[in-house]
Amino acid sequence: MKNIDLIATCAFGLEAAVSSELRALNYTDIKTANSQVRFCADISAIPHCNLWLRSADRLLVNVGSFPAATFDELFEQTKALPWADYLPENANFPVTGKSIKSKLFSISDCQAIVKKAVVEKMKARYPTRWFAENGPLFRIEVALLKDIATLTIDTSGAGLHKRGYRTVSHPAPLKETLAAALVYFSRWKPDRALIDPLGGSGTIVIEAAITGRNIAPGLKRNFVAETWPLLPQPLWKSAREEALDLIDHRQPLGIFYYDHDPKSVSMAKLHAAQAGLREGIVFEKRSLRDLNSRYEYGYLIANPPYGERLTGEAAQVYQQLPGALSRLDTWSHYLLTAFPQLENIMRRKADKKRKLYNGRLQCHYYQFFGPKPQKLSGPFAAPDCRKDIDPN
């Protein structure tokens, strides 16, 4: 098959992170729009990108885009697309839809028309009057935006944030893809110390460790496209073997997780173990009041509580935050929060502020840069901290 158009979807604000990841994977001709990054590649990109993309939500095949202001246009243009190049005769192909600022606003009608058009096109390749749809899943989406229809097929299945290591629920979880983006935007490198003093379920430190060791985030899960005849199993096997070979097991990490809640600490340790990263992260029950480090320079990345959680004990976090961070005054501090008064509390304007979304909640990623290090020697700008790691 010739090269195909692909779309990596993402939360609004993470497009730059996804674009950078694709460039690092040697893909070119990258085009960015709101909440998506488009690129062209051969079919090997489907296993490759599903395994390696850290900040994207899903990887979609873009079957086609066209103007559609009437149902007839939607039907005829959909029917003209090469569906049989992707779907086998027994394909299970449900259709989902969405419409924004378009004349075709009835989602159910659009789904039915697209389904009928795909069936008619499939009949031209497969001489049958009825498709059993008892084979592999090809979830089709019709997305209408300002009278432009885009028809895609999902290759990922479950969202790419589902890495497979987080099995215990937490009352305020941070999506793995967003946590990976926070690490990316901080410009942290694995030879520098990193602390999350409000660690919760451990997502930020685990995503940092996965990145630092060059571990493909999708290694511990499966993808719906693994069942497609278009993508033979040797292609997936080769991609996984390559990813395993690229893991840098010897990369030392100075990553520290702190939380005052012993249940959260236990949960984070479990998640790290399930990610294969128990070694490399220091876990400790420690309150924000006791924050300190023996490293002169480093990165602090945290997701303080906000929204409905900003009461009682959570409110104390913001009271303690300025004093705690002042003890690491040569570090750079990165805080994701929807709390609008953060800069007032810190008595400092952020050096950079990026609008991101945690679910549907608009947040800002406040970046307070520390002074440029005068001299750095060895990993983490201090002696190797592997001796600090709890062996239990």
Protein backbone atom coordinates (compact mmCIF):
# COMPACT_ATOMS: atom_id res chain seq x y z
CA MET A 1 0.00 0.00 0.00
CA LYS A 2 1.15 3.52 -0.74
CA ASN A 3 1.69 6.03 2.05
CA ILE A 4 -1.37 6.88 4.10
CA ASP A 5 -2.52 10.02 5.90
CA LEU A 6 -2.49 9.71 9.67
CA ILE A 7 -3.82 11.92 12.46
CA ALA A 8 -2.46 11.90 16.00
CA THR A 9 -5.15 13.45 18.19
CA CYS A 10 -4.35 15.13 21.49
CA ALA A 11 -5.70 17.43 24.16
CA PHE A 12 -5.74 21.11 23.23
CA GLY A 13 -2.35 22.65 23.98
CA LEU A 14 -0.33 19.46 23.50
CA GLU A 15 0.09 19.77 19.73
CA ALA A 16 3.68 21.02 20.04
CA ALA A 17 4.64 18.03 22.17
CA VAL A 18 3.08 15.55 19.73
CA SER A 19 4.73 17.28 16.74
CA SER A 20 8.11 17.07 18.45
CA GLU A 21 7.60 13.39 19.22
CA LEU A 22 6.76 12.67 15.58
CA ARG A 23 9.86 14.51 14.38
CA ALA A 24 11.95 12.52 16.86
CA LEU A 25 10.47 9.37 15.28
CA ASN A 26 11.72 10.64 11.89
CA TYR A 27 8.35 11.58 10.41
CA THR A 28 8.14 14.67 8.24
CA ASP A 29 5.51 16.75 6.43
CA ILE A 30 3.83 17.38 9.76
CA LYS A 31 0.79 19.69 9.88
CA THR A 32 -0.67 20.92 13.15
CA ALA A 33 -4.25 21.98 13.88
CA ASN A 34 -6.26 22.30 17.08
CA SER A 35 -6.06 19.04 19.03
CA GLN A 36 -4.45 17.08 16.20
CA VAL A 37 -1.26 16.60 14.24
CA ARG A 38 -1.40 15.21 10.70
CA PHE A 39 1.38 13.46 8.83
CA CYS A 40 1.95 11.03 5.96
CA ALA A 41 3.78 7.71 6.32
CA ASP A 42 3.71 4.04 5.31
CA ILE A 43 1.70 1.48 7.26
CA SER A 44 4.63 0.64 9.56
CA ALA A 45 3.89 3.99 11.25
CA ILE A 46 0.73 2.50 12.77
CA PRO A 47 2.55 0.10 15.14
CA HIS A 48 5.51 2.46 15.50
CA CYS A 49 3.49 5.51 16.57
CA ASN A 50 1.03 3.60 18.74
CA LEU A 51 3.98 2.21 20.68
CA TRP A 52 5.98 5.44 20.94
CA LEU A 53 3.70 8.48 21.09
CA ARG A 54 3.71 9.81 24.66
CA SER A 55 1.38 12.82 24.55
CA ALA A 56 -1.16 11.82 21.87
CA ASP A 57 -4.64 10.46 22.64
CA ARG A 58 -5.15 8.28 19.56
CA LEU A 59 -3.74 7.47 16.14
CA LEU A 60 -6.27 7.63 13.31
CA VAL A 61 -6.12 6.73 9.62
CA ASN A 62 -7.45 9.70 7.66
CA VAL A 63 -9.44 8.01 4.89
CA GLY A 64 -10.55 11.31 3.38
CA SER A 65 -11.72 14.91 3.88
CA PHE A 66 -14.17 16.85 1.71
CA PRO A 67 -16.81 19.61 1.79
CA ALA A 68 -20.25 18.30 2.76
CA ALA A 69 -23.13 20.71 3.25
CA THR A 70 -25.88 18.24 2.23
CA PHE A 71 -26.60 14.58 2.97
CA ASP A 72 -26.21 13.75 -0.74
CA GLU A 73 -22.69 15.23 -0.72
CA LEU A 74 -21.82 13.31 2.41
CA PHE A 75 -23.08 10.03 0.89
CA GLU A 76 -21.45 10.37 -2.52
CA GLN A 77 -18.09 11.62 -1.23
CA THR A 78 -17.95 8.91 1.44
CA LYS A 79 -18.80 6.25 -1.14
CA ALA A 80 -15.94 7.50 -3.34
CA LEU A 81 -13.32 6.75 -0.68
CA PRO A 82 -11.21 3.52 -0.85
CA TRP A 83 -12.82 1.68 2.08
CA ALA A 84 -12.05 -1.79 0.79
CA ASP A 85 -8.34 -0.98 0.88
CA TYR A 86 -8.64 -0.98 4.67
CA LEU A 87 -11.66 -3.11 5.60
CA PRO A 88 -11.80 -6.88 4.99
CA GLU A 89 -15.10 -8.50 4.03
CA ASN A 90 -15.90 -9.52 7.63
CA ALA A 91 -14.89 -6.18 9.17
CA ASN A 92 -16.90 -4.89 12.13
CA PHE A 93 -17.24 -1.18 11.27
CA PRO A 94 -19.43 0.85 13.63
CA VAL A 95 -19.68 4.57 12.86
CA THR A 96 -19.45 7.36 15.43
CA GLY A 97 -19.78 11.05 14.71
CA LYS A 98 -19.54 14.66 15.78
CA SER A 99 -20.54 17.96 14.21
CA ILE A 100 -19.35 21.47 15.02
CA LYS A 101 -20.61 24.60 13.25
CA SER A 102 -21.89 22.58 10.29
CA LYS A 103 -25.16 22.47 8.35
CA LEU A 104 -25.28 18.71 8.91
CA PHE A 105 -25.84 18.78 12.65
CA SER A 106 -27.81 15.56 13.17
CA ILE A 107 -25.14 13.11 14.32
CA SER A 108 -27.36 10.04 14.05
CA ASP A 109 -28.32 10.88 10.45
CA CYS A 110 -24.68 11.47 9.48
CA GLN A 111 -23.66 8.15 11.03
CA ALA A 112 -26.40 6.28 9.16
CA ILE A 113 -25.49 7.89 5.83
CA VAL A 114 -21.79 7.13 6.24
CA LYS A 115 -22.57 3.54 7.20
CA LYS A 116 -24.74 3.08 4.11
CA ALA A 117 -22.11 4.67 1.85
CA VAL A 118 -19.35 2.42 3.18
CA VAL A 119 -21.53 -0.65 2.67
CA GLU A 120 -22.26 0.35 -0.93
CA LYS A 121 -18.56 0.87 -1.64
CA MET A 122 -17.66 -2.46 -0.01
CA LYS A 123 -20.16 -4.26 -2.27
CA ALA A 124 -18.13 -3.16 -5.27
CA ARG A 125 -15.16 -5.19 -3.92
CA TYR A 126 -16.97 -8.03 -2.17
CA PRO A 127 -19.94 -9.58 -4.06
CA THR A 128 -22.37 -9.95 -1.18
CA ARG A 129 -25.70 -8.41 -0.19
CA TRP A 130 -25.04 -8.49 3.55
CA PHE A 131 -21.91 -8.11 5.66
CA ALA A 132 -21.74 -10.24 8.82
CA GLU A 133 -19.39 -7.80 10.62
CA ASN A 134 -18.02 -10.59 12.80
CA GLY A 135 -14.35 -9.85 12.18
CA PRO A 136 -11.78 -7.29 13.38
CA LEU A 137 -12.93 -3.89 14.60
CA PHE A 138 -12.57 -0.79 12.40
CA ARG A 139 -14.19 2.08 14.28
CA ILE A 140 -15.07 4.79 11.74
CA GLU A 141 -15.69 8.39 12.76
CA VAL A 142 -17.35 11.10 10.70
CA ALA A 143 -16.27 14.49 12.03
CA LEU A 144 -17.86 17.63 10.58
CA LEU A 145 -16.28 21.01 11.21
CA LYS A 146 -17.57 24.07 9.38
CA ASP A 147 -19.08 21.86 6.62
CA ILE A 148 -15.85 19.89 6.07
CA ALA A 149 -16.23 16.17 6.70
CA THR A 150 -13.26 14.07 7.81
CA LEU A 151 -13.60 10.28 7.78
CA THR A 152 -11.16 8.36 9.95
CA ILE A 153 -10.51 4.86 11.29
CA ASP A 154 -9.18 4.45 14.83
CA THR A 155 -6.01 2.30 15.07
CA SER A 156 -5.48 2.53 18.84
CA GLY A 157 -8.61 1.12 20.48
CA ALA A 158 -8.34 2.22 24.10
CA GLY A 159 -6.88 5.72 24.41
CA LEU A 160 -3.09 5.92 24.33
CA HIS A 161 -3.06 7.23 27.91
CA LYS A 162 -3.89 3.69 29.02
CA ARG A 163 -0.32 2.44 29.34
CA GLY A 164 -1.28 -0.59 31.40
CA TYR A 165 0.56 0.24 34.62
CA ARG A 166 -2.08 2.25 36.50
CA THR A 167 -4.50 -0.31 37.91
CA VAL A 168 -5.60 1.32 41.18
CA SER A 169 -7.92 4.33 40.99
CA HIS A 170 -6.99 7.68 42.52
CA PRO A 171 -9.51 10.44 43.40
CA ALA A 172 -7.78 13.03 41.18
CA PRO A 173 -5.74 11.20 38.53
CA LEU A 174 -3.64 13.06 35.99
CA LYS A 175 -3.83 11.53 32.52
CA GLU A 176 -0.61 9.80 31.54
CA THR A 177 -0.46 11.65 28.21
CA LEU A 178 -0.77 15.02 29.98
CA ALA A 179 1.88 14.05 32.54
CA ALA A 180 4.25 13.09 29.72
CA ALA A 181 3.63 16.47 28.10
CA LEU A 182 4.39 18.29 31.36
CA VAL A 183 7.76 16.55 31.45
CA TYR A 184 8.37 17.43 27.80
CA PHE A 185 7.51 21.11 28.24
CA SER A 186 9.84 21.35 31.26
CA ARG A 187 12.81 20.32 29.06
CA TRP A 188 13.95 17.97 31.81
CA LYS A 189 16.80 15.62 30.92
CA PRO A 190 17.48 12.30 32.66
CA ASP A 191 20.86 13.46 33.98
CA ARG A 192 19.10 16.06 36.16
CA ALA A 193 17.21 15.66 39.43
CA LEU A 194 13.41 15.80 39.35
CA ILE A 195 10.93 16.02 42.24
CA ASP A 196 7.16 15.78 42.38
CA PRO A 197 6.35 16.88 45.95
CA LEU A 198 2.60 16.24 45.51
CA GLY A 199 2.99 12.88 43.87
CA GLY A 200 -0.51 11.38 44.15
CA SER A 201 -0.76 8.23 42.03
CA GLY A 202 2.80 8.75 40.74
CA THR A 203 1.94 9.51 37.12
CA ILE A 204 4.38 12.42 36.64
CA VAL A 205 7.43 10.62 38.03
CA ILE A 206 6.58 7.38 36.21
CA GLU A 207 6.17 9.18 32.88
CA ALA A 208 9.46 10.98 33.50
CA ALA A 209 11.21 7.68 34.20
CA ILE A 210 9.67 6.05 31.11
CA THR A 211 10.98 8.96 29.04
CA GLY A 212 14.38 8.99 30.76
CA ARG A 213 14.95 5.29 30.12
CA ASN A 214 13.66 5.61 26.52
CA ILE A 215 10.86 3.13 27.11
CA ALA A 216 8.08 3.06 24.52
CA PRO A 217 4.93 3.91 26.55
CA GLY A 218 2.74 1.45 24.63
CA LEU A 219 4.89 -1.64 25.24
CA LYS A 220 2.64 -3.09 27.95
CA ARG A 221 -0.67 -2.92 26.06
CA ASN A 222 -2.40 -4.01 22.85
CA PHE A 223 -3.97 -2.00 20.03
CA VAL A 224 -7.06 -2.63 17.95
CA ALA A 225 -5.05 -2.46 14.68
CA GLU A 226 -3.12 -5.57 15.75
CA THR A 227 -6.13 -7.56 14.50
CA TRP A 228 -6.17 -5.96 11.04
CA PRO A 229 -5.15 -8.10 8.02
CA LEU A 230 -3.60 -4.95 6.58
CA LEU A 231 -0.95 -5.07 9.30
CA PRO A 232 0.63 -8.54 9.51
CA GLN A 233 1.83 -9.73 12.91
CA PRO A 234 5.53 -9.69 11.92
CA LEU A 235 5.21 -5.90 11.53
CA TRP A 236 4.01 -5.55 15.13
CA LYS A 237 6.56 -8.07 16.39
CA SER A 238 9.39 -6.17 14.72
CA ALA A 239 8.22 -2.84 16.15
CA ARG A 240 8.02 -4.28 19.67
CA GLU A 241 11.43 -5.96 19.41
CA GLU A 242 12.97 -2.70 18.23
CA ALA A 243 11.37 -0.84 21.14
CA LEU A 244 12.71 -3.38 23.62
CA ASP A 245 16.21 -3.05 22.16
CA LEU A 246 16.09 0.75 22.53
CA ILE A 247 15.42 0.77 26.28
CA ASP A 248 18.35 2.29 28.15
CA HIS A 249 18.37 0.14 31.29
CA ARG A 250 21.66 1.67 32.45
CA GLN A 251 20.53 5.28 32.44
CA PRO A 252 20.72 6.47 36.08
CA LEU A 253 17.71 8.46 37.24
CA GLY A 254 17.41 10.99 40.04
CA ILE A 255 13.63 11.08 40.28
CA PHE A 256 11.93 11.68 43.63
CA TYR A 257 8.28 11.16 44.57
CA TYR A 258 6.90 12.67 47.79
CA ASP A 259 3.39 12.65 49.23
CA HIS A 260 2.06 13.07 52.77
CA ASP A 261 -0.52 10.28 52.31
CA PRO A 262 0.85 6.76 52.92
CA LYS A 263 -1.91 5.22 50.77
CA SER A 264 -0.85 7.37 47.82
CA VAL A 265 2.78 6.39 48.34
CA SER A 266 1.87 2.69 48.31
CA MET A 267 -0.25 3.17 45.20
CA ALA A 268 2.52 5.01 43.37
CA LYS A 269 5.05 2.31 44.27
CA LEU A 270 2.67 -0.33 42.88
CA HIS A 271 2.19 1.59 39.64
CA ALA A 272 5.94 2.07 39.22
CA ALA A 273 6.52 -1.64 39.79
CA GLN A 274 3.88 -2.51 37.20
CA ALA A 275 5.60 -0.15 34.77
CA GLY A 276 8.90 -1.97 35.40
CA LEU A 277 10.36 1.14 37.03
CA ARG A 278 10.61 0.40 40.73
CA GLU A 279 14.37 1.00 40.49
CA GLY A 280 15.11 4.55 39.48
CA ILE A 281 12.46 6.41 41.48
CA VAL A 282 12.76 7.29 45.16
CA PHE A 283 9.40 7.05 46.98
CA GLU A 284 8.95 8.71 50.34
CA LYS A 285 6.14 9.81 52.62
CA ARG A 286 6.96 13.48 53.07
CA SER A 287 4.84 16.60 53.49
CA LEU A 288 5.28 19.78 51.50
CA ARG A 289 6.53 21.51 54.66
CA ASP A 290 9.51 19.15 54.69
CA LEU A 291 10.49 19.61 51.05
CA ASN A 292 14.23 19.82 50.44
CA SER A 293 16.96 18.29 48.31
CA ARG A 294 20.70 17.78 48.48
CA TYR A 295 20.91 18.67 44.79
CA GLU A 296 21.69 22.27 44.02
CA TYR A 297 19.86 22.29 40.69
CA GLY A 298 16.87 20.37 39.43
CA TYR A 299 13.31 20.35 38.16
CA LEU A 300 10.18 20.37 40.30
CA ILE A 301 7.01 19.34 38.43
CA ALA A 302 3.71 19.18 40.29
CA ASN A 303 -0.05 19.16 39.83
CA PRO A 304 -1.41 20.89 42.96
CA PRO A 305 -5.10 20.42 43.85
CA TYR A 306 -7.64 22.83 42.39
CA GLY A 307 -11.29 23.18 41.45
CA GLU A 308 -13.68 21.45 43.82
CA ARG A 309 -10.71 20.01 45.72
CA LEU A 310 -9.53 23.44 46.87
CA THR A 311 -10.93 23.16 50.41
CA GLY A 312 -9.57 22.19 53.80
CA GLU A 313 -6.31 20.28 53.53
CA ALA A 314 -6.01 21.09 49.82
CA ALA A 315 -6.11 24.83 50.52
CA GLN A 316 -3.16 24.39 52.87
CA VAL A 317 -1.06 23.28 49.90
CA TYR A 318 -1.16 26.80 48.46
CA GLN A 319 -0.34 28.30 51.85
CA GLN A 320 2.72 26.06 52.13
CA LEU A 321 3.81 26.21 48.50
CA PRO A 322 5.79 29.50 48.48
CA GLY A 323 7.84 28.55 51.54
CA ALA A 324 8.46 25.03 50.28
CA LEU A 325 9.65 26.17 46.86
CA SER A 326 11.84 28.89 48.37
CA ARG A 327 13.97 26.11 49.86
CA LEU A 328 14.71 25.02 46.29
CA ASP A 329 15.36 28.52 44.99
CA THR A 330 17.98 27.39 42.47
CA TRP A 331 15.59 24.86 40.93
CA SER A 332 13.09 25.40 38.12
CA HIS A 333 9.46 24.96 39.17
CA TYR A 334 6.64 23.78 36.90
CA LEU A 335 3.08 23.81 38.26
CA LEU A 336 -0.12 22.77 36.48
CA THR A 337 -3.20 24.27 38.11
CA ALA A 338 -6.56 25.90 37.43
CA PHE A 339 -6.16 28.01 40.59
CA PRO A 340 -6.14 31.59 39.21
CA GLN A 341 -4.23 33.24 42.07
CA LEU A 342 -1.07 31.15 41.88
CA GLU A 343 1.22 33.99 40.77
CA ASN A 344 -0.15 36.21 43.54
CA ILE A 345 0.58 33.52 46.11
CA MET A 346 4.06 32.94 44.68
CA ARG A 347 4.62 36.73 44.60
CA ARG A 348 6.20 36.23 41.21
CA LYS A 349 5.07 36.25 37.62
CA ALA A 350 5.69 33.01 35.80
CA ASP A 351 8.51 33.17 33.25
CA LYS A 352 6.24 31.28 30.89
CA LYS A 353 2.60 30.24 31.08
CA ARG A 354 0.96 27.67 28.81
CA LYS A 355 -2.79 27.01 28.56
CA LEU A 356 -3.59 23.31 28.86
CA TYR A 357 -6.63 21.20 29.65
CA ASN A 358 -6.91 18.57 32.37
CA GLY A 359 -9.95 16.76 31.06
CA ARG A 360 -12.40 19.57 30.30
CA LEU A 361 -10.95 21.89 32.89
CA GLN A 362 -8.84 24.76 31.60
CA CYS A 363 -5.55 25.02 33.46
CA HIS A 364 -2.28 26.87 33.10
CA TYR A 365 1.17 25.37 33.25
CA TYR A 366 3.18 27.93 35.22
CA GLN A 367 6.91 27.79 34.52
CA PHE A 368 9.25 29.49 36.99
CA PHE A 369 12.82 29.19 35.75
CA GLY A 370 15.68 28.85 38.17
CA PRO A 371 19.10 30.48 37.64
CA LYS A 372 21.37 29.02 35.02
CA PRO A 373 23.65 26.48 36.73
CA GLN A 374 27.18 27.77 37.18
CA LYS A 375 28.72 24.32 37.14
CA LEU A 376 27.29 20.84 36.74
CA SER A 377 29.24 17.67 37.42
CA GLY A 378 27.90 14.15 37.06
CA PRO A 379 24.31 12.97 36.94
CA PHE A 380 21.74 15.12 38.76
CA ALA A 381 24.38 17.82 39.37
CA ALA A 382 25.42 15.91 42.50
CA PRO A 383 26.70 12.44 43.49
CA ASP A 384 24.77 9.49 42.10
CA CYS A 385 21.51 9.21 44.05
CA ARG A 386 20.86 5.55 43.32
CA LYS A 387 21.96 4.78 46.89
CA ASP A 388 18.87 6.76 48.03
CA ILE A 389 16.45 4.33 46.37
CA ASP A 390 14.27 2.32 48.73
CA PRO A 391 14.99 -1.36 47.94
CA ASN A 392 11.57 -2.49 49.20
